[in-house]
Amino acid sequence: VDTGSQVCSLIWSQNERELLSSHGFTQN
């Protein structure tokens, strides 16, 4: 999946089928 910015960190939800990503340039 193209996120449009650099991916710095990833965390899966422990309870749902969801993924959280943190980003840098350009939107932080």
PDB file of all heavy atoms in Angstrom:
ATOM      1  N   VAL A   1       0.845  -1.188   0.000  1.00  0.00           N
ATOM      2  CA  VAL A   1       0.000   0.000   0.000  1.00  0.00           C
ATOM      3  C   VAL A   1       0.883   1.241   0.000  1.00  0.00           C
ATOM      4  O   VAL A   1       1.752   1.390   0.862  1.00  0.00           O
ATOM      5  CB  VAL A   1      -0.922   0.008   1.250  1.00  0.00           C
ATOM      6  CG1 VAL A   1      -1.753   1.273   1.296  1.00  0.00           C
ATOM      7  CG2 VAL A   1      -1.794  -1.222   1.271  1.00  0.00           C
ATOM      8  N   ASP A   2       0.653   2.124  -0.964  1.00  0.00           N
ATOM      9  CA  ASP A   2       1.368   3.402  -1.030  1.00  0.00           C
ATOM     10  C   ASP A   2       0.741   4.341  -0.012  1.00  0.00           C
ATOM     11  O   ASP A   2      -0.449   4.645  -0.097  1.00  0.00           O
ATOM     12  CB  ASP A   2       1.270   3.982  -2.433  1.00  0.00           C
ATOM     13  CG  ASP A   2       2.029   5.290  -2.592  1.00  0.00           C
ATOM     14  OD1 ASP A   2       2.666   5.767  -1.629  1.00  0.00           O
ATOM     15  OD2 ASP A   2       1.983   5.851  -3.701  1.00  0.00           O
ATOM     16  N   THR A   3       1.543   4.807   0.961  1.00  0.00           N
ATOM     17  CA  THR A   3       1.024   5.676   2.012  1.00  0.00           C
ATOM     18  C   THR A   3       1.190   7.159   1.702  1.00  0.00           C
ATOM     19  O   THR A   3       0.627   7.996   2.389  1.00  0.00           O
ATOM     20  CB  THR A   3       1.723   5.385   3.357  1.00  0.00           C
ATOM     21  OG1 THR A   3       3.097   5.760   3.245  1.00  0.00           O
ATOM     22  CG2 THR A   3       1.590   3.923   3.738  1.00  0.00           C
ATOM     23  N   GLY A   4       2.014   7.493   0.712  1.00  0.00           N
ATOM     24  CA  GLY A   4       2.240   8.886   0.362  1.00  0.00           C
ATOM     25  C   GLY A   4       3.313   9.576   1.182  1.00  0.00           C
ATOM     26  O   GLY A   4       3.655  10.722   0.918  1.00  0.00           O
ATOM     27  N   SER A   5       3.842   8.904   2.204  1.00  0.00           N
ATOM     28  CA  SER A   5       4.937   9.471   2.999  1.00  0.00           C
ATOM     29  C   SER A   5       5.711   8.347   3.666  1.00  0.00           C
ATOM     30  O   SER A   5       5.232   7.215   3.741  1.00  0.00           O
ATOM     31  CB  SER A   5       4.409  10.465   4.043  1.00  0.00           C
ATOM     32  OG  SER A   5       3.496   9.839   4.909  1.00  0.00           O
ATOM     33  N   GLN A   6       6.903   8.668   4.136  1.00  0.00           N
ATOM     34  CA  GLN A   6       7.736   7.640   4.755  1.00  0.00           C
ATOM     35  C   GLN A   6       7.034   7.028   5.959  1.00  0.00           C
ATOM     36  O   GLN A   6       6.327   7.702   6.694  1.00  0.00           O
ATOM     37  CB  GLN A   6       9.102   8.197   5.143  1.00  0.00           C
ATOM     38  CG  GLN A   6       9.077   9.167   6.273  1.00  0.00           C
ATOM     39  CD  GLN A   6      10.444   9.710   6.639  1.00  0.00           C
ATOM     40  OE1 GLN A   6      10.512  10.687   7.342  1.00  0.00           O
ATOM     41  NE2 GLN A   6      11.527   9.141   6.184  1.00  0.00           N
ATOM     42  N   VAL A   7       7.225   5.717   6.132  1.00  0.00           N
ATOM     43  CA  VAL A   7       6.624   4.991   7.249  1.00  0.00           C
ATOM     44  C   VAL A   7       7.704   4.826   8.314  1.00  0.00           C
ATOM     45  O   VAL A   7       8.766   4.269   8.046  1.00  0.00           O
ATOM     46  CB  VAL A   7       6.085   3.620   6.797  1.00  0.00           C
ATOM     47  CG1 VAL A   7       5.444   2.890   7.960  1.00  0.00           C
ATOM     48  CG2 VAL A   7       5.110   3.785   5.645  1.00  0.00           C
ATOM     49  N   CYS A   8       7.429   5.313   9.522  1.00  0.00           N
ATOM     50  CA  CYS A   8       8.424   5.294  10.594  1.00  0.00           C
ATOM     51  C   CYS A   8       8.139   4.234  11.650  1.00  0.00           C
ATOM     52  O   CYS A   8       9.065   3.756  12.299  1.00  0.00           O
ATOM     53  CB  CYS A   8       8.494   6.663  11.255  1.00  0.00           C
ATOM     54  SG  CYS A   8       8.952   7.981  10.114  1.00  0.00           S
ATOM     55  N   SER A   9       6.871   3.890  11.846  1.00  0.00           N
ATOM     56  CA  SER A   9       6.509   2.946  12.894  1.00  0.00           C
ATOM     57  C   SER A   9       5.152   2.333  12.573  1.00  0.00           C
ATOM     58  O   SER A   9       4.336   2.958  11.897  1.00  0.00           O
ATOM     59  CB  SER A   9       6.468   3.679  14.243  1.00  0.00           C
ATOM     60  OG  SER A   9       6.259   2.793  15.307  1.00  0.00           O
ATOM     61  N   LEU A  10       4.934   1.098  13.060  1.00  0.00           N
ATOM     62  CA  LEU A  10       3.672   0.397  12.854  1.00  0.00           C
ATOM     63  C   LEU A  10       3.235  -0.275  14.143  1.00  0.00           C
ATOM     64  O   LEU A  10       4.066  -0.819  14.874  1.00  0.00           O
ATOM     65  CB  LEU A  10       3.822  -0.695  11.787  1.00  0.00           C
ATOM     66  CG  LEU A  10       4.122  -0.251  10.358  1.00  0.00           C
ATOM     67  CD1 LEU A  10       4.565  -1.440   9.516  1.00  0.00           C
ATOM     68  CD2 LEU A  10       2.897   0.418   9.748  1.00  0.00           C
ATOM     69  N   ILE A  11       1.933  -0.233  14.422  1.00  0.00           N
ATOM     70  CA  ILE A  11       1.358  -0.921  15.584  1.00  0.00           C
ATOM     71  C   ILE A  11       0.022  -1.532  15.170  1.00  0.00           C
ATOM     72  O   ILE A  11      -0.831  -0.834  14.619  1.00  0.00           O
ATOM     73  CB  ILE A  11       1.127   0.031  16.776  1.00  0.00           C
ATOM     74  CG1 ILE A  11       2.448   0.514  17.352  1.00  0.00           C
ATOM     75  CG2 ILE A  11       0.307  -0.658  17.866  1.00  0.00           C
ATOM     76  CD1 ILE A  11       2.283   1.468  18.533  1.00  0.00           C
ATOM     77  N   TRP A  12      -0.158  -2.822  15.462  1.00  0.00           N
ATOM     78  CA  TRP A  12      -1.440  -3.483  15.256  1.00  0.00           C
ATOM     79  C   TRP A  12      -2.324  -3.270  16.475  1.00  0.00           C
ATOM     80  O   TRP A  12      -1.839  -3.279  17.604  1.00  0.00           O
ATOM     81  CB  TRP A  12      -1.254  -4.989  15.086  1.00  0.00           C
ATOM     82  CG  TRP A  12      -0.648  -5.420  13.797  1.00  0.00           C
ATOM     83  CD1 TRP A  12       0.676  -5.670  13.561  1.00  0.00           C
ATOM     84  CD2 TRP A  12      -1.331  -5.693  12.574  1.00  0.00           C
ATOM     85  NE1 TRP A  12       0.850  -6.069  12.268  1.00  0.00           N
ATOM     86  CE2 TRP A  12      -0.369  -6.099  11.632  1.00  0.00           C
ATOM     87  CE3 TRP A  12      -2.675  -5.633  12.190  1.00  0.00           C
ATOM     88  CZ2 TRP A  12      -0.701  -6.448  10.330  1.00  0.00           C
ATOM     89  CZ3 TRP A  12      -2.997  -5.975  10.891  1.00  0.00           C
ATOM     90  CH2 TRP A  12      -2.021  -6.374   9.975  1.00  0.00           C
ATOM     91  N   SER A  13      -3.623  -3.142  16.246  1.00  0.00           N
ATOM     92  CA  SER A  13      -4.581  -3.137  17.344  1.00  0.00           C
ATOM     93  C   SER A  13      -4.612  -4.525  17.964  1.00  0.00           C
ATOM     94  O   SER A  13      -4.542  -5.533  17.258  1.00  0.00           O
ATOM     95  CB  SER A  13      -5.976  -2.778  16.825  1.00  0.00           C
ATOM     96  OG  SER A  13      -6.950  -3.018  17.824  1.00  0.00           O
ATOM     97  N   GLN A  14      -4.729  -4.576  19.277  1.00  0.00           N
ATOM     98  CA  GLN A  14      -4.831  -5.855  19.977  1.00  0.00           C
ATOM     99  C   GLN A  14      -6.243  -6.420  19.919  1.00  0.00           C
ATOM    100  O   GLN A  14      -6.446  -7.598  20.202  1.00  0.00           O
ATOM    101  CB  GLN A  14      -4.420  -5.688  21.441  1.00  0.00           C
ATOM    102  CG  GLN A  14      -2.981  -5.298  21.627  1.00  0.00           C
ATOM    103  CD  GLN A  14      -2.647  -5.010  23.081  1.00  0.00           C
ATOM    104  OE1 GLN A  14      -3.421  -5.289  23.993  1.00  0.00           O
ATOM    105  NE2 GLN A  14      -1.478  -4.444  23.303  1.00  0.00           N
ATOM    106  N   ASN A  15      -7.221  -5.580  19.570  1.00  0.00           N
ATOM    107  CA  ASN A  15      -8.620  -5.981  19.665  1.00  0.00           C
ATOM    108  C   ASN A  15      -9.394  -5.948  18.355  1.00  0.00           C
ATOM    109  O   ASN A  15     -10.446  -6.558  18.251  1.00  0.00           O
ATOM    110  CB  ASN A  15      -9.335  -5.097  20.693  1.00  0.00           C
ATOM    111  CG  ASN A  15      -8.609  -5.105  22.012  1.00  0.00           C
ATOM    112  OD1 ASN A  15      -8.425  -6.147  22.620  1.00  0.00           O
ATOM    113  ND2 ASN A  15      -8.145  -3.943  22.444  1.00  0.00           N
ATOM    114  N   GLU A  16      -8.929  -5.211  17.385  1.00  0.00           N
ATOM    115  CA  GLU A  16      -9.616  -5.069  16.099  1.00  0.00           C
ATOM    116  C   GLU A  16      -8.628  -5.373  14.979  1.00  0.00           C
ATOM    117  O   GLU A  16      -7.426  -5.388  15.185  1.00  0.00           O
ATOM    118  CB  GLU A  16     -10.150  -3.636  15.927  1.00  0.00           C
ATOM    119  CG  GLU A  16     -11.135  -3.208  16.973  1.00  0.00           C
ATOM    120  CD  GLU A  16     -12.467  -3.927  16.877  1.00  0.00           C
ATOM    121  OE1 GLU A  16     -12.846  -4.350  15.758  1.00  0.00           O
ATOM    122  OE2 GLU A  16     -13.137  -4.072  17.916  1.00  0.00           O
ATOM    123  N   ARG A  17      -9.143  -5.556  13.794  1.00  0.00           N
ATOM    124  CA  ARG A  17      -8.285  -5.768  12.624  1.00  0.00           C
ATOM    125  C   ARG A  17      -7.933  -4.404  12.037  1.00  0.00           C
ATOM    126  O   ARG A  17      -8.468  -3.991  11.002  1.00  0.00           O
ATOM    127  CB  ARG A  17      -8.962  -6.686  11.623  1.00  0.00           C
ATOM    128  CG  ARG A  17      -9.069  -8.097  12.177  1.00  0.00           C
ATOM    129  CD  ARG A  17      -9.717  -9.049  11.221  1.00  0.00           C
ATOM    130  NE  ARG A  17      -9.809 -10.357  11.846  1.00  0.00           N
ATOM    131  CZ  ARG A  17      -9.063 -11.403  11.516  1.00  0.00           C
ATOM    132  NH1 ARG A  17      -8.175 -11.304  10.552  1.00  0.00           N
ATOM    133  NH2 ARG A  17      -9.192 -12.548  12.141  1.00  0.00           N
ATOM    134  N   GLU A  18      -7.053  -3.709  12.758  1.00  0.00           N
ATOM    135  CA  GLU A  18      -6.621  -2.368  12.388  1.00  0.00           C
ATOM    136  C   GLU A  18      -5.122  -2.242  12.589  1.00  0.00           C
ATOM    137  O   GLU A  18      -4.530  -2.908  13.435  1.00  0.00           O
ATOM    138  CB  GLU A  18      -7.327  -1.325  13.252  1.00  0.00           C
ATOM    139  CG  GLU A  18      -8.832  -1.312  13.089  1.00  0.00           C
ATOM    140  CD  GLU A  18      -9.553  -0.443  14.103  1.00  0.00           C
ATOM    141  OE1 GLU A  18      -8.939  -0.030  15.108  1.00  0.00           O
ATOM    142  OE2 GLU A  18     -10.743  -0.205  13.892  1.00  0.00           O
ATOM    143  N   LEU A  19      -4.532  -1.353  11.786  1.00  0.00           N
ATOM    144  CA  LEU A  19      -3.099  -1.091  11.851  1.00  0.00           C
ATOM    145  C   LEU A  19      -2.893   0.413  11.914  1.00  0.00           C
ATOM    146  O   LEU A  19      -3.525   1.167  11.157  1.00  0.00           O
ATOM    147  CB  LEU A  19      -2.402  -1.663  10.604  1.00  0.00           C
ATOM    148  CG  LEU A  19      -0.898  -1.462  10.493  1.00  0.00           C
ATOM    149  CD1 LEU A  19      -0.168  -2.297  11.545  1.00  0.00           C
ATOM    150  CD2 LEU A  19      -0.413  -1.828   9.102  1.00  0.00           C
ATOM    151  N   LEU A  20      -2.029   0.857  12.811  1.00  0.00           N
ATOM    152  CA  LEU A  20      -1.687   2.273  12.942  1.00  0.00           C
ATOM    153  C   LEU A  20      -0.275   2.469  12.417  1.00  0.00           C
ATOM    154  O   LEU A  20       0.643   1.735  12.793  1.00  0.00           O
ATOM    155  CB  LEU A  20      -1.781   2.709  14.404  1.00  0.00           C
ATOM    156  CG  LEU A  20      -1.533   4.186  14.689  1.00  0.00           C
ATOM    157  CD1 LEU A  20      -2.641   5.051  14.089  1.00  0.00           C
ATOM    158  CD2 LEU A  20      -1.432   4.428  16.195  1.00  0.00           C
ATOM    159  N   SER A  21      -0.109   3.446  11.541  1.00  0.00           N
ATOM    160  CA  SER A  21       1.216   3.767  11.008  1.00  0.00           C
ATOM    161  C   SER A  21       1.563   5.200  11.382  1.00  0.00           C
ATOM    162  O   SER A  21       0.698   6.061  11.458  1.00  0.00           O
ATOM    163  CB  SER A  21       1.245   3.590   9.486  1.00  0.00           C
ATOM    164  OG  SER A  21       0.248   4.367   8.858  1.00  0.00           O
ATOM    165  N   SER A  22       2.866   5.429  11.638  1.00  0.00           N
ATOM    166  CA  SER A  22       3.324   6.803  11.865  1.00  0.00           C
ATOM    167  C   SER A  22       4.214   7.183  10.692  1.00  0.00           C
ATOM    168  O   SER A  22       4.870   6.341  10.091  1.00  0.00           O
ATOM    169  CB  SER A  22       4.071   6.940  13.188  1.00  0.00           C
ATOM    170  OG  SER A  22       5.353   6.357  13.125  1.00  0.00           O
ATOM    171  N   HIS A  23       4.205   8.505  10.393  1.00  0.00           N
ATOM    172  CA  HIS A  23       4.845   8.959   9.157  1.00  0.00           C
ATOM    173  C   HIS A  23       5.723  10.176   9.384  1.00  0.00           C
ATOM    174  O   HIS A  23       5.595  10.891  10.367  1.00  0.00           O
ATOM    175  CB  HIS A  23       3.766   9.292   8.116  1.00  0.00           C
ATOM    176  CG  HIS A  23       2.921   8.114   7.785  1.00  0.00           C
ATOM    177  ND1 HIS A  23       3.249   7.217   6.811  1.00  0.00           N
ATOM    178  CD2 HIS A  23       1.766   7.657   8.336  1.00  0.00           C
ATOM    179  CE1 HIS A  23       2.332   6.261   6.756  1.00  0.00           C
ATOM    180  NE2 HIS A  23       1.421   6.512   7.676  1.00  0.00           N
ATOM    181  N   GLY A  24       6.580  10.385   8.417  1.00  0.00           N
ATOM    182  CA  GLY A  24       7.415  11.573   8.375  1.00  0.00           C
ATOM    183  C   GLY A  24       6.980  12.426   7.203  1.00  0.00           C
ATOM    184  O   GLY A  24       5.786  12.585   6.962  1.00  0.00           O
ATOM    185  N   PHE A  25       7.959  12.883   6.478  1.00  0.00           N
ATOM    186  CA  PHE A  25       7.724  13.820   5.387  1.00  0.00           C
ATOM    187  C   PHE A  25       6.626  13.303   4.478  1.00  0.00           C
ATOM    188  O   PHE A  25       6.658  12.171   4.068  1.00  0.00           O
ATOM    189  CB  PHE A  25       9.028  14.024   4.615  1.00  0.00           C
ATOM    190  CG  PHE A  25      10.208  14.283   5.529  1.00  0.00           C
ATOM    191  CD1 PHE A  25      11.206  13.333   5.691  1.00  0.00           C
ATOM    192  CD2 PHE A  25      10.292  15.452   6.258  1.00  0.00           C
ATOM    193  CE1 PHE A  25      12.265  13.556   6.540  1.00  0.00           C
ATOM    194  CE2 PHE A  25      11.352  15.677   7.114  1.00  0.00           C
ATOM    195  CZ  PHE A  25      12.331  14.724   7.246  1.00  0.00           C
ATOM    196  N   THR A  26       5.558  13.960   4.245  1.00  0.00           N
ATOM    197  CA  THR A  26       5.424  15.394   4.408  1.00  0.00           C
ATOM    198  C   THR A  26       4.441  15.813   5.494  1.00  0.00           C
ATOM    199  O   THR A  26       4.498  16.961   5.950  1.00  0.00           O
ATOM    200  CB  THR A  26       4.938  16.037   3.093  1.00  0.00           C
ATOM    201  OG1 THR A  26       3.684  15.475   2.745  1.00  0.00           O
ATOM    202  CG2 THR A  26       5.886  15.817   1.954  1.00  0.00           C
ATOM    203  N   GLN A  27       3.551  14.942   5.918  1.00  0.00           N
ATOM    204  CA  GLN A  27       2.508  15.395   6.833  1.00  0.00           C
ATOM    205  C   GLN A  27       2.782  15.091   8.304  1.00  0.00           C
ATOM    206  O   GLN A  27       2.082  15.608   9.168  1.00  0.00           O
ATOM    207  CB  GLN A  27       1.166  14.793   6.435  1.00  0.00           C
ATOM    208  CG  GLN A  27       0.695  15.278   5.093  1.00  0.00           C
ATOM    209  CD  GLN A  27      -0.650  14.688   4.723  1.00  0.00           C
ATOM    210  OE1 GLN A  27      -1.418  14.282   5.576  1.00  0.00           O
ATOM    211  NE2 GLN A  27      -0.932  14.624   3.441  1.00  0.00           N
ATOM    212  N   ASN A  28       3.728  14.222   8.622  1.00  0.00           N
ATOM    213  CA  ASN A  28       4.080  13.903  10.019  1.00  0.00           C
ATOM    214  C   ASN A  28       2.863  13.450  10.830  1.00  0.00           C
ATOM    215  O   ASN A  28       2.655  13.864  11.953  1.00  0.00           O
ATOM    216  CB  ASN A  28       4.743  15.112  10.689  1.00  0.00           C
ATOM    217  CG  ASN A  28       5.877  15.669   9.861  1.00  0.00           C
ATOM    218  OD1 ASN A  28       6.752  14.934   9.423  1.00  0.00           O
ATOM    219  ND2 ASN A  28       5.864  16.959   9.617  1.00  0.00           N
TER     220      ASN A  28
END
